[in-house]
Amino acid sequence: MKTLIKTCLIAITTICFAQTKNVSGEIEMENIKTEGMSVSVTVDSALDIERTFKTEDIAQLFKMLSKDQDVSFEMICKTKTLKNGVSKSVTYRARGNSDKKEVFIASVVNIRNAAIKYYDLKQ
């Protein structure tokens, strides 16, 4: 009988203390800080690049960054699977700093153009 009472008391205590407390409040969106930006884009064709990726998109992302933040961009160009089941890909990367926005965006433009040429040569 003692064991039954102890088990019931432990179960009731556990249930009572396990209840979550409701927390209410507001989140301030003004004090959001970023630690850097990394963008990775995977494409299958030059048409994918031209349709979905524009350099203005990267320029928009810079608005969220504060000064002296690390930024990186990566474009992975995949090709069709070869006859032996192996797939090939080429990766272009650029790394920079948010203080040098124009230099970084110029690198991204060069990557975009190089990736389009890569697919044009594959055809």
N, C-alpha and C. Protein backbone atom coordinates (compact mmCIF):
# COMPACT_ATOMS: atom_id res chain seq x y z
N MET A 1 0.82 -1.18 0.00
CA MET A 1 0.00 0.00 0.00
C MET A 1 0.87 1.26 0.00
N LYS A 2 1.96 1.20 0.78
CA LYS A 2 2.87 2.34 0.82
C LYS A 2 3.44 2.62 -0.57
N THR A 3 3.80 1.59 -1.27
CA THR A 3 4.38 1.74 -2.60
C THR A 3 3.38 2.38 -3.56
N LEU A 4 2.13 2.00 -3.48
CA LEU A 4 1.10 2.56 -4.34
C LEU A 4 0.92 4.04 -4.06
N ILE A 5 0.90 4.43 -2.81
CA ILE A 5 0.72 5.84 -2.45
C ILE A 5 1.93 6.66 -2.91
N LYS A 6 3.15 6.13 -2.71
CA LYS A 6 4.35 6.84 -3.13
C LYS A 6 4.36 7.01 -4.66
N THR A 7 3.99 5.96 -5.38
CA THR A 7 3.96 6.02 -6.84
C THR A 7 2.95 7.06 -7.32
N CYS A 8 1.79 7.10 -6.71
CA CYS A 8 0.76 8.08 -7.08
C CYS A 8 1.22 9.50 -6.78
N LEU A 9 1.85 9.71 -5.62
CA LEU A 9 2.35 11.04 -5.27
C LEU A 9 3.45 11.50 -6.23
N ILE A 10 4.34 10.60 -6.59
CA ILE A 10 5.40 10.96 -7.53
C ILE A 10 4.81 11.28 -8.89
N ALA A 11 3.83 10.50 -9.34
CA ALA A 11 3.19 10.75 -10.63
C ALA A 11 2.47 12.09 -10.63
N ILE A 12 1.73 12.38 -9.58
CA ILE A 12 0.99 13.65 -9.50
C ILE A 12 1.95 14.83 -9.43
N THR A 13 3.02 14.70 -8.67
CA THR A 13 4.02 15.77 -8.56
C THR A 13 4.68 16.02 -9.91
N THR A 14 5.02 14.95 -10.60
CA THR A 14 5.66 15.09 -11.91
C THR A 14 4.72 15.77 -12.90
N ILE A 15 3.47 15.38 -12.90
CA ILE A 15 2.50 15.98 -13.81
C ILE A 15 2.30 17.46 -13.51
N CYS A 16 2.23 17.82 -12.23
CA CYS A 16 2.01 19.22 -11.85
C CYS A 16 3.20 20.10 -12.23
N PHE A 17 4.42 19.63 -12.00
CA PHE A 17 5.59 20.44 -12.30
C PHE A 17 6.01 20.39 -13.76
N ALA A 18 5.48 19.48 -14.52
CA ALA A 18 5.85 19.35 -15.93
C ALA A 18 5.04 20.27 -16.83
N GLN A 19 4.08 20.97 -16.31
CA GLN A 19 3.26 21.86 -17.12
C GLN A 19 4.10 23.05 -17.60
N THR A 20 3.91 23.44 -18.85
CA THR A 20 4.66 24.57 -19.40
C THR A 20 3.95 25.87 -19.03
N LYS A 21 4.74 26.88 -18.84
CA LYS A 21 4.18 28.20 -18.54
C LYS A 21 4.04 28.97 -19.83
N ASN A 22 2.95 29.68 -19.97
CA ASN A 22 2.74 30.49 -21.16
C ASN A 22 3.57 31.75 -21.06
N VAL A 23 4.34 32.02 -22.09
CA VAL A 23 5.16 33.22 -22.13
C VAL A 23 4.59 34.11 -23.22
N SER A 24 4.31 35.33 -22.86
CA SER A 24 3.80 36.26 -23.87
C SER A 24 4.72 37.46 -23.92
N GLY A 25 4.81 38.05 -25.08
CA GLY A 25 5.67 39.21 -25.26
C GLY A 25 5.78 39.54 -26.73
N GLU A 26 6.56 40.54 -27.01
CA GLU A 26 6.76 40.98 -28.38
C GLU A 26 8.24 40.88 -28.73
N ILE A 27 8.49 40.59 -29.97
CA ILE A 27 9.87 40.51 -30.45
C ILE A 27 10.20 41.81 -31.17
N GLU A 28 11.32 42.40 -30.78
CA GLU A 28 11.75 43.63 -31.44
C GLU A 28 12.54 43.27 -32.68
N MET A 29 12.09 43.78 -33.82
CA MET A 29 12.76 43.48 -35.08
C MET A 29 13.82 44.53 -35.41
N GLU A 30 13.95 45.55 -34.60
CA GLU A 30 14.89 46.62 -34.90
C GLU A 30 16.32 46.27 -34.54
N ASN A 31 16.53 45.37 -33.61
CA ASN A 31 17.87 45.08 -33.13
C ASN A 31 18.43 43.77 -33.67
N ILE A 32 18.05 43.38 -34.86
CA ILE A 32 18.54 42.14 -35.44
C ILE A 32 19.93 42.41 -36.01
N LYS A 33 20.86 41.52 -35.68
CA LYS A 33 22.23 41.64 -36.14
C LYS A 33 22.61 40.42 -36.95
N THR A 34 23.33 40.60 -38.01
CA THR A 34 23.80 39.46 -38.79
C THR A 34 25.29 39.25 -38.54
N GLU A 35 25.72 38.03 -38.71
CA GLU A 35 27.12 37.67 -38.49
C GLU A 35 27.85 37.42 -39.80
N GLY A 36 27.20 37.63 -40.91
CA GLY A 36 27.80 37.38 -42.21
C GLY A 36 26.76 36.79 -43.14
N MET A 37 27.16 36.58 -44.38
CA MET A 37 26.21 36.05 -45.35
C MET A 37 26.93 35.04 -46.23
N SER A 38 26.26 33.93 -46.47
CA SER A 38 26.79 32.92 -47.37
C SER A 38 25.66 32.47 -48.28
N VAL A 39 25.88 32.54 -49.59
CA VAL A 39 24.87 32.16 -50.56
C VAL A 39 25.44 31.04 -51.42
N SER A 40 24.67 29.98 -51.58
CA SER A 40 25.06 28.87 -52.43
C SER A 40 23.92 28.59 -53.41
N VAL A 41 24.24 28.59 -54.69
CA VAL A 41 23.25 28.38 -55.74
C VAL A 41 23.68 27.15 -56.55
N THR A 42 22.75 26.20 -56.73
CA THR A 42 23.02 25.02 -57.54
C THR A 42 22.14 25.10 -58.79
N VAL A 43 22.78 24.99 -59.95
CA VAL A 43 22.05 25.10 -61.22
C VAL A 43 22.37 23.90 -62.11
N ASP A 44 21.47 23.65 -63.06
CA ASP A 44 21.64 22.53 -63.98
C ASP A 44 21.87 22.97 -65.43
N SER A 45 21.64 24.26 -65.72
CA SER A 45 21.80 24.73 -67.10
C SER A 45 21.99 26.25 -67.11
N ALA A 46 22.42 26.76 -68.25
CA ALA A 46 22.57 28.21 -68.41
C ALA A 46 21.21 28.89 -68.31
N LEU A 47 20.19 28.20 -68.77
CA LEU A 47 18.83 28.75 -68.69
C LEU A 47 18.40 28.94 -67.24
N ASP A 48 18.77 28.01 -66.37
CA ASP A 48 18.48 28.16 -64.93
C ASP A 48 19.14 29.41 -64.38
N ILE A 49 20.37 29.65 -64.77
CA ILE A 49 21.09 30.83 -64.28
C ILE A 49 20.40 32.10 -64.74
N GLU A 50 20.08 32.16 -66.02
CA GLU A 50 19.49 33.37 -66.58
C GLU A 50 18.09 33.63 -66.04
N ARG A 51 17.33 32.56 -65.79
CA ARG A 51 15.96 32.73 -65.31
C ARG A 51 15.86 33.06 -63.83
N THR A 52 16.69 32.43 -63.02
CA THR A 52 16.47 32.52 -61.57
C THR A 52 17.45 33.39 -60.82
N PHE A 53 18.61 33.64 -61.37
CA PHE A 53 19.64 34.33 -60.60
C PHE A 53 20.02 35.64 -61.25
N LYS A 54 19.83 36.70 -60.51
CA LYS A 54 20.20 38.03 -60.98
C LYS A 54 21.12 38.66 -59.93
N THR A 55 22.07 39.47 -60.39
CA THR A 55 23.02 40.07 -59.45
C THR A 55 22.34 41.10 -58.54
N GLU A 56 21.19 41.61 -58.95
CA GLU A 56 20.47 42.55 -58.09
C GLU A 56 20.01 41.87 -56.80
N ASP A 57 19.82 40.55 -56.88
CA ASP A 57 19.42 39.81 -55.68
C ASP A 57 20.51 39.87 -54.61
N ILE A 58 21.76 39.77 -55.03
CA ILE A 58 22.88 39.86 -54.08
C ILE A 58 22.97 41.27 -53.51
N ALA A 59 22.75 42.26 -54.35
CA ALA A 59 22.79 43.65 -53.87
C ALA A 59 21.71 43.88 -52.82
N GLN A 60 20.55 43.26 -52.97
CA GLN A 60 19.48 43.38 -51.97
C GLN A 60 19.89 42.77 -50.64
N LEU A 61 20.62 41.66 -50.69
CA LEU A 61 21.05 41.01 -49.46
C LEU A 61 22.03 41.86 -48.66
N PHE A 62 22.79 42.72 -49.35
CA PHE A 62 23.73 43.58 -48.66
C PHE A 62 23.05 44.58 -47.73
N LYS A 63 21.79 44.87 -47.99
CA LYS A 63 21.06 45.80 -47.13
C LYS A 63 20.87 45.26 -45.72
N MET A 64 20.89 43.92 -45.58
CA MET A 64 20.72 43.31 -44.26
C MET A 64 22.02 43.25 -43.47
N LEU A 65 23.14 43.43 -44.13
CA LEU A 65 24.43 43.28 -43.46
C LEU A 65 24.88 44.59 -42.83
N SER A 66 25.55 44.46 -41.71
CA SER A 66 26.18 45.63 -41.12
C SER A 66 27.61 45.73 -41.65
N LYS A 67 28.36 46.69 -41.16
CA LYS A 67 29.72 46.90 -41.66
C LYS A 67 30.65 45.80 -41.20
N ASP A 68 31.67 45.56 -42.02
CA ASP A 68 32.75 44.62 -41.74
C ASP A 68 32.25 43.21 -41.46
N GLN A 69 31.39 42.70 -42.34
CA GLN A 69 30.88 41.33 -42.24
C GLN A 69 31.45 40.49 -43.38
N ASP A 70 31.73 39.24 -43.09
CA ASP A 70 32.22 38.33 -44.12
C ASP A 70 31.06 37.91 -45.02
N VAL A 71 31.32 37.87 -46.32
CA VAL A 71 30.32 37.42 -47.29
C VAL A 71 30.96 36.39 -48.21
N SER A 72 30.16 35.43 -48.64
CA SER A 72 30.65 34.44 -49.60
C SER A 72 29.53 34.05 -50.54
N PHE A 73 29.93 33.70 -51.75
CA PHE A 73 28.99 33.29 -52.78
C PHE A 73 29.56 32.06 -53.46
N GLU A 74 28.69 31.10 -53.75
CA GLU A 74 29.11 29.86 -54.38
C GLU A 74 28.07 29.46 -55.41
N MET A 75 28.53 29.10 -56.60
CA MET A 75 27.63 28.59 -57.63
C MET A 75 28.13 27.21 -58.04
N ILE A 76 27.25 26.24 -57.92
CA ILE A 76 27.57 24.86 -58.28
C ILE A 76 26.86 24.54 -59.59
N CYS A 77 27.64 24.26 -60.62
CA CYS A 77 27.10 23.94 -61.94
C CYS A 77 27.13 22.43 -62.12
N LYS A 78 25.98 21.82 -62.13
CA LYS A 78 25.89 20.37 -62.33
C LYS A 78 25.67 20.07 -63.80
N THR A 79 26.17 18.91 -64.21
CA THR A 79 25.93 18.45 -65.57
C THR A 79 25.16 17.14 -65.50
N LYS A 80 24.70 16.70 -66.65
CA LYS A 80 23.95 15.46 -66.69
C LYS A 80 24.83 14.29 -66.26
N THR A 81 24.20 13.26 -65.77
CA THR A 81 24.92 12.07 -65.35
C THR A 81 25.55 11.39 -66.56
N LEU A 82 26.81 11.02 -66.40
CA LEU A 82 27.53 10.37 -67.49
C LEU A 82 27.06 8.93 -67.66
N LYS A 83 27.52 8.28 -68.70
CA LYS A 83 27.10 6.90 -69.02
C LYS A 83 27.41 5.92 -67.90
N ASN A 84 28.50 6.14 -67.19
CA ASN A 84 28.88 5.20 -66.13
C ASN A 84 28.22 5.54 -64.79
N GLY A 85 27.28 6.46 -64.76
CA GLY A 85 26.54 6.78 -63.55
C GLY A 85 27.17 7.86 -62.68
N VAL A 86 28.28 8.41 -63.12
CA VAL A 86 28.98 9.44 -62.36
C VAL A 86 28.48 10.81 -62.83
N SER A 87 28.21 11.69 -61.89
CA SER A 87 27.81 13.03 -62.27
C SER A 87 28.97 14.00 -62.04
N LYS A 88 29.05 15.02 -62.86
CA LYS A 88 30.10 16.02 -62.77
C LYS A 88 29.53 17.33 -62.31
N SER A 89 30.37 18.12 -61.64
CA SER A 89 29.96 19.46 -61.28
C SER A 89 31.19 20.36 -61.22
N VAL A 90 30.96 21.64 -61.43
CA VAL A 90 31.99 22.66 -61.32
C VAL A 90 31.50 23.68 -60.31
N THR A 91 32.39 24.11 -59.41
CA THR A 91 32.00 25.06 -58.37
C THR A 91 32.83 26.33 -58.51
N TYR A 92 32.15 27.46 -58.50
CA TYR A 92 32.79 28.78 -58.50
C TYR A 92 32.52 29.42 -57.15
N ARG A 93 33.55 30.04 -56.56
CA ARG A 93 33.39 30.67 -55.23
C ARG A 93 33.99 32.07 -55.22
N ALA A 94 33.36 32.93 -54.42
CA ALA A 94 33.90 34.27 -54.16
C ALA A 94 33.71 34.56 -52.68
N ARG A 95 34.74 35.14 -52.08
CA ARG A 95 34.65 35.54 -50.67
C ARG A 95 35.05 37.01 -50.59
N GLY A 96 34.42 37.71 -49.66
CA GLY A 96 34.74 39.13 -49.53
C GLY A 96 34.25 39.68 -48.21
N ASN A 97 34.11 41.01 -48.21
CA ASN A 97 33.70 41.73 -47.02
C ASN A 97 32.58 42.70 -47.41
N SER A 98 31.69 42.94 -46.47
CA SER A 98 30.55 43.82 -46.77
C SER A 98 30.96 45.26 -46.98
N ASP A 99 32.18 45.63 -46.54
CA ASP A 99 32.66 46.99 -46.78
C ASP A 99 33.05 47.21 -48.24
N LYS A 100 33.32 46.13 -48.96
CA LYS A 100 33.71 46.23 -50.37
C LYS A 100 32.63 45.61 -51.24
N LYS A 101 31.46 46.21 -51.18
CA LYS A 101 30.28 45.69 -51.86
C LYS A 101 30.47 45.62 -53.38
N GLU A 102 30.98 46.67 -53.98
CA GLU A 102 31.11 46.73 -55.43
C GLU A 102 32.07 45.66 -55.95
N VAL A 103 33.18 45.44 -55.23
CA VAL A 103 34.16 44.43 -55.64
C VAL A 103 33.54 43.04 -55.57
N PHE A 104 32.79 42.78 -54.49
CA PHE A 104 32.17 41.48 -54.34
C PHE A 104 31.11 41.24 -55.41
N ILE A 105 30.29 42.22 -55.67
CA ILE A 105 29.25 42.08 -56.70
C ILE A 105 29.88 41.88 -58.08
N ALA A 106 31.00 42.55 -58.34
CA ALA A 106 31.71 42.34 -59.61
C ALA A 106 32.20 40.89 -59.71
N SER A 107 32.65 40.33 -58.60
CA SER A 107 33.08 38.92 -58.59
C SER A 107 31.89 37.99 -58.87
N VAL A 108 30.75 38.31 -58.30
CA VAL A 108 29.55 37.50 -58.53
C VAL A 108 29.12 37.58 -59.99
N VAL A 109 29.23 38.75 -60.59
CA VAL A 109 28.90 38.91 -62.02
C VAL A 109 29.85 38.06 -62.86
N ASN A 110 31.15 38.07 -62.51
CA ASN A 110 32.12 37.25 -63.24
C ASN A 110 31.80 35.77 -63.11
N ILE A 111 31.42 35.35 -61.92
CA ILE A 111 31.05 33.94 -61.70
C ILE A 111 29.83 33.58 -62.54
N ARG A 112 28.84 34.45 -62.54
CA ARG A 112 27.62 34.19 -63.32
C ARG A 112 27.95 34.04 -64.80
N ASN A 113 28.77 34.96 -65.32
CA ASN A 113 29.13 34.90 -66.74
C ASN A 113 29.96 33.66 -67.05
N ALA A 114 30.88 33.30 -66.16
CA ALA A 114 31.70 32.11 -66.37
C ALA A 114 30.85 30.84 -66.35
N ALA A 115 29.87 30.79 -65.48
CA ALA A 115 28.99 29.62 -65.41
C ALA A 115 28.14 29.49 -66.67
N ILE A 116 27.67 30.60 -67.19
CA ILE A 116 26.90 30.57 -68.43
C ILE A 116 27.78 30.08 -69.59
N LYS A 117 29.04 30.57 -69.63
CA LYS A 117 29.97 30.12 -70.67
C LYS A 117 30.27 28.63 -70.52
N TYR A 118 30.37 28.16 -69.29
CA TYR A 118 30.63 26.74 -69.05
C TYR A 118 29.54 25.88 -69.69
N TYR A 119 28.29 26.26 -69.47
CA TYR A 119 27.20 25.50 -70.06
C TYR A 119 27.13 25.66 -71.58
N ASP A 120 27.47 26.86 -72.08
CA ASP A 120 27.48 27.06 -73.53
C ASP A 120 28.53 26.19 -74.21
N LEU A 121 29.68 26.01 -73.56
CA LEU A 121 30.74 25.15 -74.14
C LEU A 121 30.38 23.68 -74.06
N LYS A 122 29.55 23.29 -73.10
CA LYS A 122 29.16 21.89 -72.94
C LYS A 122 28.19 21.44 -74.02
N GLN A 123 27.51 22.38 -74.67
CA GLN A 123 26.51 21.99 -75.67
C GLN A 123 27.10 21.64 -76.98
